[in-house]
Amino acid sequence: MTTPKPRQPVRGSQTGRPIMALLDLLGRRWALRMIWELRTDALTFRELRERCDDMSPTVLNQRLRELRDTHIIEMAATGGYVLSTSGQSLLQALLPLLQWSEEWGLLLDEANTDE
């Protein structure tokens, strides 16, 4: 499986529109969780694996390669992995979804108590 990149065919888009490439990348198993876990700290391979519920080392290596190839994460000067400037920008863009999801969860909780 190749790393999704803009202007290359990806799942759901033969044109490789940037948004489709991003959605393909972020839709891969563990990608969003890894970005979330790197939001505050540099993490080593082992630390990242532990924070991601001991995910398979093979999958972790694959996601690390994809997220590095797309400049979302990078190696920290002190070792481990961190969000790149681009990755930090992506995280900021995702924060409104976090807020929306919290409101959605409350809405569903209320709907379930009304039933």
N, C-alpha and C. Protein backbone atom coordinates (compact mmCIF):
# COMPACT_ATOMS: atom_id res chain seq x y z
N MET A 1 0.85 -1.17 0.00
CA MET A 1 0.00 0.00 0.00
C MET A 1 0.90 1.24 0.00
N THR A 2 0.64 2.15 -0.90
CA THR A 2 1.46 3.36 -0.99
C THR A 2 0.93 4.45 -0.07
N THR A 3 1.78 5.36 0.27
CA THR A 3 1.41 6.49 1.12
C THR A 3 0.53 7.45 0.33
N PRO A 4 -0.66 7.78 0.85
CA PRO A 4 -1.52 8.73 0.15
C PRO A 4 -0.87 10.11 0.08
N LYS A 5 -0.84 10.66 -1.11
CA LYS A 5 -0.30 12.01 -1.31
C LYS A 5 -1.17 12.74 -2.32
N PRO A 6 -1.27 14.06 -2.18
CA PRO A 6 -2.05 14.84 -3.13
C PRO A 6 -1.58 14.63 -4.57
N ARG A 7 -2.53 14.69 -5.47
CA ARG A 7 -2.33 14.58 -6.92
C ARG A 7 -1.90 13.18 -7.35
N GLN A 8 -2.15 12.19 -6.50
CA GLN A 8 -1.95 10.79 -6.86
C GLN A 8 -3.25 10.06 -6.54
N PRO A 9 -3.63 9.08 -7.32
CA PRO A 9 -4.87 8.34 -7.00
C PRO A 9 -4.81 7.77 -5.57
N VAL A 10 -5.90 7.93 -4.85
CA VAL A 10 -6.04 7.41 -3.48
C VAL A 10 -7.41 6.76 -3.37
N ARG A 11 -7.66 6.10 -2.24
CA ARG A 11 -8.98 5.51 -2.04
C ARG A 11 -10.04 6.60 -2.18
N GLY A 12 -10.99 6.38 -3.04
CA GLY A 12 -12.10 7.33 -3.19
C GLY A 12 -11.85 8.46 -4.17
N SER A 13 -10.67 8.53 -4.77
CA SER A 13 -10.39 9.63 -5.69
C SER A 13 -9.29 9.25 -6.67
N GLN A 14 -9.63 9.21 -7.92
CA GLN A 14 -8.61 8.96 -8.94
C GLN A 14 -7.78 10.21 -9.22
N THR A 15 -8.33 11.40 -8.90
CA THR A 15 -7.60 12.64 -9.15
C THR A 15 -6.62 12.96 -8.03
N GLY A 16 -6.81 12.37 -6.87
CA GLY A 16 -5.92 12.64 -5.75
C GLY A 16 -6.04 14.05 -5.21
N ARG A 17 -7.28 14.55 -5.16
CA ARG A 17 -7.46 15.87 -4.56
C ARG A 17 -6.83 15.87 -3.17
N PRO A 18 -6.21 16.97 -2.75
CA PRO A 18 -5.54 16.99 -1.45
C PRO A 18 -6.42 16.54 -0.29
N ILE A 19 -7.68 16.96 -0.26
CA ILE A 19 -8.55 16.56 0.85
C ILE A 19 -8.78 15.05 0.83
N MET A 20 -8.89 14.45 -0.35
CA MET A 20 -9.10 13.01 -0.43
C MET A 20 -7.85 12.25 0.00
N ALA A 21 -6.69 12.77 -0.36
CA ALA A 21 -5.44 12.13 0.08
C ALA A 21 -5.31 12.21 1.60
N LEU A 22 -5.66 13.36 2.17
CA LEU A 22 -5.60 13.52 3.62
C LEU A 22 -6.58 12.58 4.31
N LEU A 23 -7.81 12.51 3.81
CA LEU A 23 -8.80 11.63 4.43
C LEU A 23 -8.38 10.16 4.33
N ASP A 24 -7.77 9.79 3.22
CA ASP A 24 -7.27 8.43 3.08
C ASP A 24 -6.18 8.18 4.13
N LEU A 25 -5.24 9.10 4.27
CA LEU A 25 -4.16 8.95 5.23
C LEU A 25 -4.69 8.88 6.66
N LEU A 26 -5.56 9.82 7.02
CA LEU A 26 -6.07 9.87 8.39
C LEU A 26 -7.03 8.72 8.69
N GLY A 27 -7.60 8.14 7.65
CA GLY A 27 -8.52 7.02 7.83
C GLY A 27 -7.81 5.69 8.04
N ARG A 28 -6.53 5.68 7.92
CA ARG A 28 -5.79 4.44 8.13
C ARG A 28 -5.71 4.13 9.62
N ARG A 29 -5.73 2.86 9.90
CA ARG A 29 -5.72 2.37 11.27
C ARG A 29 -4.61 3.03 12.08
N TRP A 30 -4.97 3.62 13.20
CA TRP A 30 -4.08 4.21 14.19
C TRP A 30 -3.51 5.58 13.84
N ALA A 31 -3.68 6.07 12.62
CA ALA A 31 -3.05 7.34 12.23
C ALA A 31 -3.50 8.50 13.11
N LEU A 32 -4.80 8.66 13.28
CA LEU A 32 -5.29 9.76 14.11
C LEU A 32 -4.88 9.60 15.57
N ARG A 33 -4.92 8.39 16.05
CA ARG A 33 -4.52 8.15 17.44
C ARG A 33 -3.06 8.53 17.64
N MET A 34 -2.20 8.21 16.70
CA MET A 34 -0.79 8.56 16.82
C MET A 34 -0.61 10.08 16.84
N ILE A 35 -1.32 10.77 15.97
CA ILE A 35 -1.25 12.23 15.95
C ILE A 35 -1.71 12.78 17.29
N TRP A 36 -2.79 12.23 17.82
CA TRP A 36 -3.31 12.68 19.11
C TRP A 36 -2.29 12.45 20.22
N GLU A 37 -1.68 11.30 20.25
CA GLU A 37 -0.72 10.98 21.31
C GLU A 37 0.54 11.84 21.22
N LEU A 38 0.87 12.33 20.05
CA LEU A 38 2.06 13.17 19.87
C LEU A 38 1.76 14.66 20.06
N ARG A 39 0.54 14.98 20.46
CA ARG A 39 0.13 16.39 20.53
C ARG A 39 0.92 17.21 21.55
N THR A 40 1.47 16.56 22.59
CA THR A 40 2.15 17.33 23.63
C THR A 40 3.60 16.94 23.86
N ASP A 41 3.95 15.68 23.58
CA ASP A 41 5.27 15.19 23.93
C ASP A 41 5.95 14.49 22.77
N ALA A 42 7.28 14.52 22.80
CA ALA A 42 8.05 13.63 21.93
C ALA A 42 7.97 12.24 22.54
N LEU A 43 7.72 11.25 21.71
CA LEU A 43 7.60 9.88 22.20
C LEU A 43 8.51 8.96 21.41
N THR A 44 9.14 8.04 22.11
CA THR A 44 9.92 7.01 21.44
C THR A 44 8.98 6.00 20.82
N PHE A 45 9.52 5.12 20.02
CA PHE A 45 8.73 4.06 19.40
C PHE A 45 7.98 3.28 20.47
N ARG A 46 8.69 2.87 21.50
CA ARG A 46 8.08 2.08 22.57
C ARG A 46 6.99 2.85 23.30
N GLU A 47 7.24 4.12 23.61
CA GLU A 47 6.24 4.93 24.31
C GLU A 47 4.99 5.13 23.46
N LEU A 48 5.20 5.39 22.19
CA LEU A 48 4.07 5.58 21.29
C LEU A 48 3.26 4.29 21.17
N ARG A 49 3.94 3.18 21.07
CA ARG A 49 3.25 1.88 20.99
C ARG A 49 2.43 1.63 22.25
N GLU A 50 2.99 1.92 23.42
CA GLU A 50 2.26 1.73 24.68
C GLU A 50 1.04 2.63 24.76
N ARG A 51 1.19 3.89 24.34
CA ARG A 51 0.05 4.82 24.39
C ARG A 51 -1.04 4.45 23.39
N CYS A 52 -0.66 3.69 22.39
CA CYS A 52 -1.63 3.24 21.38
C CYS A 52 -2.05 1.79 21.65
N ASP A 53 -2.20 1.47 22.93
CA ASP A 53 -2.72 0.16 23.33
C ASP A 53 -1.90 -1.01 22.78
N ASP A 54 -0.58 -0.85 22.77
CA ASP A 54 0.32 -1.91 22.30
C ASP A 54 -0.02 -2.39 20.89
N MET A 55 -0.23 -1.44 20.01
CA MET A 55 -0.50 -1.78 18.61
C MET A 55 0.66 -2.59 18.03
N SER A 56 0.40 -3.26 16.97
CA SER A 56 1.40 -4.09 16.31
C SER A 56 2.61 -3.24 15.90
N PRO A 57 3.82 -3.71 16.18
CA PRO A 57 5.01 -2.97 15.75
C PRO A 57 5.07 -2.79 14.24
N THR A 58 4.56 -3.78 13.50
CA THR A 58 4.56 -3.68 12.04
C THR A 58 3.68 -2.53 11.58
N VAL A 59 2.49 -2.43 12.15
CA VAL A 59 1.57 -1.34 11.78
C VAL A 59 2.14 -0.01 12.24
N LEU A 60 2.71 0.04 13.43
CA LEU A 60 3.30 1.27 13.93
C LEU A 60 4.41 1.75 12.99
N ASN A 61 5.28 0.85 12.59
CA ASN A 61 6.34 1.22 11.65
C ASN A 61 5.78 1.76 10.34
N GLN A 62 4.73 1.11 9.83
CA GLN A 62 4.12 1.55 8.58
C GLN A 62 3.51 2.94 8.73
N ARG A 63 2.76 3.17 9.81
CA ARG A 63 2.16 4.49 10.02
C ARG A 63 3.23 5.55 10.24
N LEU A 64 4.28 5.22 10.99
CA LEU A 64 5.36 6.19 11.19
C LEU A 64 5.98 6.58 9.86
N ARG A 65 6.21 5.60 9.01
CA ARG A 65 6.79 5.87 7.69
C ARG A 65 5.86 6.78 6.88
N GLU A 66 4.56 6.47 6.88
CA GLU A 66 3.61 7.28 6.11
C GLU A 66 3.51 8.70 6.65
N LEU A 67 3.43 8.84 7.97
CA LEU A 67 3.30 10.16 8.56
C LEU A 67 4.59 10.97 8.44
N ARG A 68 5.72 10.31 8.40
CA ARG A 68 6.98 11.01 8.15
C ARG A 68 7.08 11.40 6.67
N ASP A 69 6.71 10.49 5.77
CA ASP A 69 6.77 10.77 4.33
C ASP A 69 5.88 11.95 3.94
N THR A 70 4.82 12.16 4.71
CA THR A 70 3.88 13.24 4.40
C THR A 70 4.11 14.48 5.28
N HIS A 71 5.23 14.49 6.00
CA HIS A 71 5.67 15.64 6.80
C HIS A 71 4.69 16.02 7.91
N ILE A 72 4.00 15.03 8.46
CA ILE A 72 3.10 15.28 9.58
C ILE A 72 3.83 15.04 10.90
N ILE A 73 4.73 14.08 10.93
CA ILE A 73 5.59 13.88 12.10
C ILE A 73 7.04 13.89 11.64
N GLU A 74 7.92 14.07 12.61
CA GLU A 74 9.34 14.07 12.33
C GLU A 74 10.08 13.56 13.55
N MET A 75 11.36 13.30 13.37
CA MET A 75 12.19 12.89 14.49
C MET A 75 12.52 14.12 15.33
N ALA A 76 12.42 13.97 16.63
CA ALA A 76 12.78 15.05 17.54
C ALA A 76 14.29 15.12 17.69
N ALA A 77 14.81 16.30 17.94
CA ALA A 77 16.25 16.45 18.13
C ALA A 77 16.73 15.63 19.33
N THR A 78 15.85 15.46 20.31
CA THR A 78 16.19 14.71 21.53
C THR A 78 15.87 13.23 21.40
N GLY A 79 15.40 12.81 20.23
CA GLY A 79 15.01 11.41 20.03
C GLY A 79 13.50 11.27 20.08
N GLY A 80 13.02 10.23 19.50
CA GLY A 80 11.59 10.02 19.47
C GLY A 80 10.94 10.76 18.32
N TYR A 81 9.63 10.79 18.36
CA TYR A 81 8.83 11.38 17.30
C TYR A 81 8.02 12.55 17.85
N VAL A 82 7.83 13.57 17.02
CA VAL A 82 7.02 14.74 17.37
C VAL A 82 6.20 15.14 16.15
N LEU A 83 5.18 15.93 16.40
CA LEU A 83 4.45 16.53 15.29
C LEU A 83 5.34 17.58 14.64
N SER A 84 5.37 17.60 13.34
CA SER A 84 6.09 18.65 12.62
C SER A 84 5.25 19.93 12.69
N THR A 85 5.75 20.99 12.14
CA THR A 85 4.97 22.22 12.07
C THR A 85 3.66 21.96 11.32
N SER A 86 3.75 21.22 10.24
CA SER A 86 2.55 20.86 9.48
C SER A 86 1.62 19.99 10.30
N GLY A 87 2.17 19.06 11.06
CA GLY A 87 1.36 18.20 11.92
C GLY A 87 0.67 18.98 13.02
N GLN A 88 1.36 19.97 13.58
CA GLN A 88 0.74 20.82 14.61
C GLN A 88 -0.41 21.62 14.01
N SER A 89 -0.22 22.09 12.78
CA SER A 89 -1.28 22.82 12.08
C SER A 89 -2.48 21.91 11.83
N LEU A 90 -2.21 20.67 11.43
CA LEU A 90 -3.28 19.70 11.23
C LEU A 90 -4.03 19.47 12.53
N LEU A 91 -3.32 19.31 13.64
CA LEU A 91 -3.97 19.11 14.93
C LEU A 91 -4.88 20.28 15.26
N GLN A 92 -4.43 21.49 15.02
CA GLN A 92 -5.27 22.67 15.27
C GLN A 92 -6.53 22.65 14.41
N ALA A 93 -6.39 22.17 13.18
CA ALA A 93 -7.55 22.08 12.28
C ALA A 93 -8.54 21.03 12.76
N LEU A 94 -8.05 20.01 13.46
CA LEU A 94 -8.92 18.94 13.95
C LEU A 94 -9.63 19.28 15.26
N LEU A 95 -9.13 20.27 16.01
CA LEU A 95 -9.71 20.59 17.31
C LEU A 95 -11.19 20.97 17.25
N PRO A 96 -11.66 21.69 16.22
CA PRO A 96 -13.12 21.93 16.16
C PRO A 96 -13.92 20.62 16.06
N LEU A 97 -13.36 19.58 15.45
CA LEU A 97 -14.04 18.29 15.42
C LEU A 97 -14.13 17.69 16.82
N LEU A 98 -13.10 17.90 17.62
CA LEU A 98 -13.13 17.44 19.01
C LEU A 98 -14.29 18.10 19.75
N GLN A 99 -14.40 19.41 19.60
CA GLN A 99 -15.49 20.13 20.26
C GLN A 99 -16.84 19.64 19.76
N TRP A 100 -16.98 19.49 18.45
CA TRP A 100 -18.23 19.01 17.88
C TRP A 100 -18.56 17.62 18.43
N SER A 101 -17.57 16.75 18.53
CA SER A 101 -17.83 15.39 18.99
C SER A 101 -18.30 15.37 20.45
N GLU A 102 -17.77 16.28 21.27
CA GLU A 102 -18.22 16.37 22.66
C GLU A 102 -19.68 16.79 22.72
N GLU A 103 -20.06 17.78 21.91
CA GLU A 103 -21.46 18.22 21.86
C GLU A 103 -22.36 17.12 21.33
N TRP A 104 -21.90 16.41 20.33
CA TRP A 104 -22.64 15.30 19.74
C TRP A 104 -22.87 14.21 20.78
N GLY A 105 -21.82 13.89 21.55
CA GLY A 105 -21.94 12.88 22.60
C GLY A 105 -22.99 13.27 23.62
N LEU A 106 -23.00 14.55 24.01
CA LEU A 106 -24.03 15.02 24.96
C LEU A 106 -25.42 14.92 24.36
N LEU A 107 -25.54 15.30 23.09
CA LEU A 107 -26.83 15.20 22.41
C LEU A 107 -27.35 13.77 22.41
N LEU A 108 -26.47 12.83 22.09
CA LEU A 108 -26.88 11.43 22.07
C LEU A 108 -27.20 10.92 23.47
N ASP A 109 -26.45 11.39 24.47
CA ASP A 109 -26.76 11.01 25.86
C ASP A 109 -28.15 11.49 26.23
N GLU A 110 -28.47 12.73 25.88
CA GLU A 110 -29.80 13.28 26.17
C GLU A 110 -30.89 12.51 25.44
N ALA A 111 -30.65 12.17 24.18
CA ALA A 111 -31.63 11.43 23.39
C ALA A 111 -31.87 10.05 23.99
N ASN A 112 -30.82 9.43 24.52
CA ASN A 112 -30.97 8.10 25.13
C ASN A 112 -31.73 8.15 26.45
N THR A 113 -31.62 9.27 27.19
CA THR A 113 -32.36 9.37 28.47
C THR A 113 -33.83 9.70 28.22
N ASP A 114 -34.14 10.26 27.05
CA ASP A 114 -35.52 10.59 26.71
C ASP A 114 -36.30 9.37 26.25
N GLU A 115 -35.60 8.31 25.89
CA GLU A 115 -36.27 7.12 25.34
C GLU A 115 -36.87 6.27 26.41
